[in-house]
């Protein structure tokens, strides 16, 4: 009986796992194909937290998986990863400079366009993994997944 229940529950969550280059994520947001709806109930990241995230990407440190959901109008909605994607868009649009970095401190004070071209290209070509939920995924499942991603 238990196995049948698990099997049925698994059918409620259908998804693909995809890799997105940073420049592709930014392009999707700027062309309104990736919707920055803030599901997250966390406080907005500080400039230091944003900077540490960018530093992690510059160092090619694997970041936690993003979670998107397909929508009826063929766009993607962010389920988990809002702060990360928003930070990428803001930084690449020169909306904040890097501060208080301890490992790559030579770029402290830099906006995106202040970085050497080689570093900008490396950042933009960095890939991030995302789960993309199927269009049929119910809203309560999306909420449950968000909570699970953020409780563990």
Protein backbone atom coordinates (compact mmCIF):
# COMPACT_ATOMS: atom_id res chain seq x y z
CA UNK A 1 0.00 0.00 0.00
CA UNK A 2 2.77 2.46 0.92
CA UNK A 3 4.64 1.94 -2.36
CA UNK A 4 1.53 2.76 -4.36
CA UNK A 5 1.08 5.99 -2.43
CA UNK A 6 4.71 6.99 -3.07
CA UNK A 7 4.40 6.10 -6.75
CA UNK A 8 1.26 8.22 -7.07
CA UNK A 9 2.86 11.10 -5.21
CA UNK A 10 5.88 11.03 -7.51
CA UNK A 11 3.58 11.58 -10.49
CA UNK A 12 2.58 14.94 -9.00
CA UNK A 13 6.11 16.29 -9.53
CA UNK A 14 7.34 16.16 -13.09
CA UNK A 15 10.34 18.21 -14.08
CA UNK A 16 13.45 18.52 -16.22
CA UNK A 17 16.88 19.44 -14.94
CA UNK A 18 18.58 22.07 -17.10
CA UNK A 19 21.80 24.05 -17.13
CA UNK A 20 21.53 27.80 -17.73
CA UNK A 21 24.46 30.10 -18.51
CA UNK A 22 24.40 33.30 -16.49
CA UNK A 23 24.05 35.36 -19.68
CA UNK A 24 21.03 33.23 -20.69
CA UNK A 25 19.35 33.81 -17.31
CA UNK A 26 19.87 37.56 -17.64
CA UNK A 27 18.52 37.49 -21.18
CA UNK A 28 15.43 35.56 -20.06
CA UNK A 29 14.72 38.13 -17.32
CA UNK A 30 15.30 41.13 -19.58
CA UNK A 31 12.98 39.65 -22.22
CA UNK A 32 10.30 38.80 -19.63
CA UNK A 33 10.70 35.06 -20.22
CA UNK A 34 11.85 34.43 -16.63
CA UNK A 35 9.55 36.10 -14.14
CA UNK A 36 11.12 37.56 -11.01
CA UNK A 37 8.15 36.98 -8.71
CA UNK A 38 9.28 37.02 -5.12
CA UNK A 39 7.88 33.90 -3.45
CA UNK A 40 10.63 33.99 -0.93
CA UNK A 41 9.76 35.32 2.48
CA UNK A 42 13.34 36.16 3.29
CA UNK A 43 14.80 39.62 3.61
CA UNK A 44 16.48 41.12 0.57
CA UNK A 45 20.18 40.38 0.42
CA UNK A 46 22.58 43.03 1.59
CA UNK A 47 25.29 44.34 -0.73
CA UNK A 48 27.80 42.15 1.12
CA UNK A 49 25.65 39.03 0.61
CA UNK A 50 25.21 39.85 -3.07
CA UNK A 51 28.94 40.38 -3.40
CA UNK A 52 29.72 37.02 -1.75
CA UNK A 53 27.36 35.31 -4.20
CA UNK A 54 29.11 36.95 -7.18
CA UNK A 55 32.47 36.00 -5.65
CA UNK A 56 31.31 32.36 -5.46
CA UNK A 57 30.49 32.46 -9.17
CA UNK A 58 33.83 34.07 -9.99
CA UNK A 59 35.50 31.22 -8.11
CA UNK A 60 33.26 28.69 -9.90
CA UNK A 61 31.91 27.39 -6.61
CA UNK A 62 28.81 25.28 -7.23
CA UNK A 63 25.76 27.10 -5.92
CA UNK A 64 22.47 25.53 -4.81
CA UNK A 65 20.09 24.43 -7.54
CA UNK A 66 17.47 26.89 -8.79
CA UNK A 67 13.83 25.90 -9.20
CA UNK A 68 11.61 27.28 -11.97
CA UNK A 69 8.12 26.42 -13.11
CA UNK A 70 6.75 26.58 -16.62
CA UNK A 71 3.73 28.86 -17.02
CA UNK A 72 0.80 28.82 -19.41
CA UNK A 73 2.19 31.72 -21.45
CA UNK A 74 5.45 29.83 -22.10
CA UNK A 75 7.55 31.71 -19.57
CA UNK A 76 9.37 30.48 -16.48
CA UNK A 77 8.50 31.54 -12.95
CA UNK A 78 11.10 31.38 -10.19
CA UNK A 79 10.06 29.07 -7.37
CA UNK A 80 13.41 29.13 -5.57
CA UNK A 81 16.44 31.25 -6.42
CA UNK A 82 14.89 34.70 -6.65
CA UNK A 83 17.70 36.43 -4.72
CA UNK A 84 20.38 34.69 -6.80
CA UNK A 85 18.84 35.56 -10.16
CA UNK A 86 17.97 39.11 -9.06
CA UNK A 87 21.56 39.60 -7.86
CA UNK A 88 22.93 38.46 -11.22
CA UNK A 89 20.69 40.87 -13.13
CA UNK A 90 21.51 43.77 -10.81
CA UNK A 91 25.26 43.17 -10.87
CA UNK A 92 25.45 42.75 -14.64
CA UNK A 93 23.48 46.00 -15.00
CA UNK A 94 25.96 47.86 -12.75
CA UNK A 95 23.41 48.37 -9.97
CA UNK A 96 25.87 47.57 -7.18
CA UNK A 97 29.60 47.23 -6.70
CA UNK A 98 31.39 44.36 -5.01
CA UNK A 99 32.23 44.90 -1.35
CA UNK A 100 33.98 43.10 1.50
CA UNK A 101 35.28 40.22 -0.61
CA UNK A 102 37.97 38.26 1.17
CA UNK A 103 39.17 35.82 -1.49
CA UNK A 104 39.17 37.97 -4.63
CA UNK A 105 39.62 41.27 -2.84
CA UNK A 106 41.23 42.88 -5.90
CA UNK A 107 37.73 43.40 -7.37
CA UNK A 108 36.30 45.12 -4.28
CA UNK A 109 34.63 48.35 -5.39
CA UNK A 110 34.11 47.09 -8.96
CA UNK A 111 30.89 47.28 -10.88
CA UNK A 112 30.38 44.60 -13.54
CA UNK A 113 31.66 46.89 -16.30
CA UNK A 114 34.80 47.66 -14.26
CA UNK A 115 35.88 44.02 -14.40
CA UNK A 116 38.41 42.93 -17.03
CA UNK A 117 36.72 41.51 -20.15
CA UNK A 118 38.11 38.04 -19.43
CA UNK A 119 36.49 38.01 -15.97
CA UNK A 120 33.17 39.31 -17.33
CA UNK A 121 33.13 36.57 -19.96
CA UNK A 122 33.90 33.92 -17.35
CA UNK A 123 31.09 35.16 -15.14
CA UNK A 124 28.56 35.29 -17.98
CA UNK A 125 29.49 31.82 -19.21
CA UNK A 126 29.17 30.25 -15.75
CA UNK A 127 26.37 27.69 -15.62
CA UNK A 128 23.72 27.21 -12.97
CA UNK A 129 21.57 24.11 -12.65
CA UNK A 130 17.80 24.43 -12.37
CA UNK A 131 14.86 22.14 -11.89
CA UNK A 132 12.11 23.21 -14.30
CA UNK A 133 8.72 22.00 -13.10
CA UNK A 134 6.18 20.90 -15.65
CA UNK A 135 3.24 23.18 -16.45
CA UNK A 136 0.86 20.74 -14.71
CA UNK A 137 2.56 21.08 -11.31
CA UNK A 138 -0.03 22.26 -8.81
CA UNK A 139 0.52 25.42 -6.76
CA UNK A 140 0.55 23.56 -3.43
CA UNK A 141 3.35 21.32 -4.75
CA UNK A 142 5.37 24.41 -5.74
CA UNK A 143 4.93 25.84 -2.23
CA UNK A 144 5.92 22.54 -0.67
CA UNK A 145 9.06 22.34 -2.80
CA UNK A 146 10.00 25.91 -1.91
CA UNK A 147 9.65 25.12 1.79
CA UNK A 148 11.71 21.95 1.45
CA UNK A 149 14.49 23.77 -0.42
CA UNK A 150 14.65 26.38 2.32
CA UNK A 151 14.29 24.22 5.44
CA UNK A 152 17.15 21.83 4.75
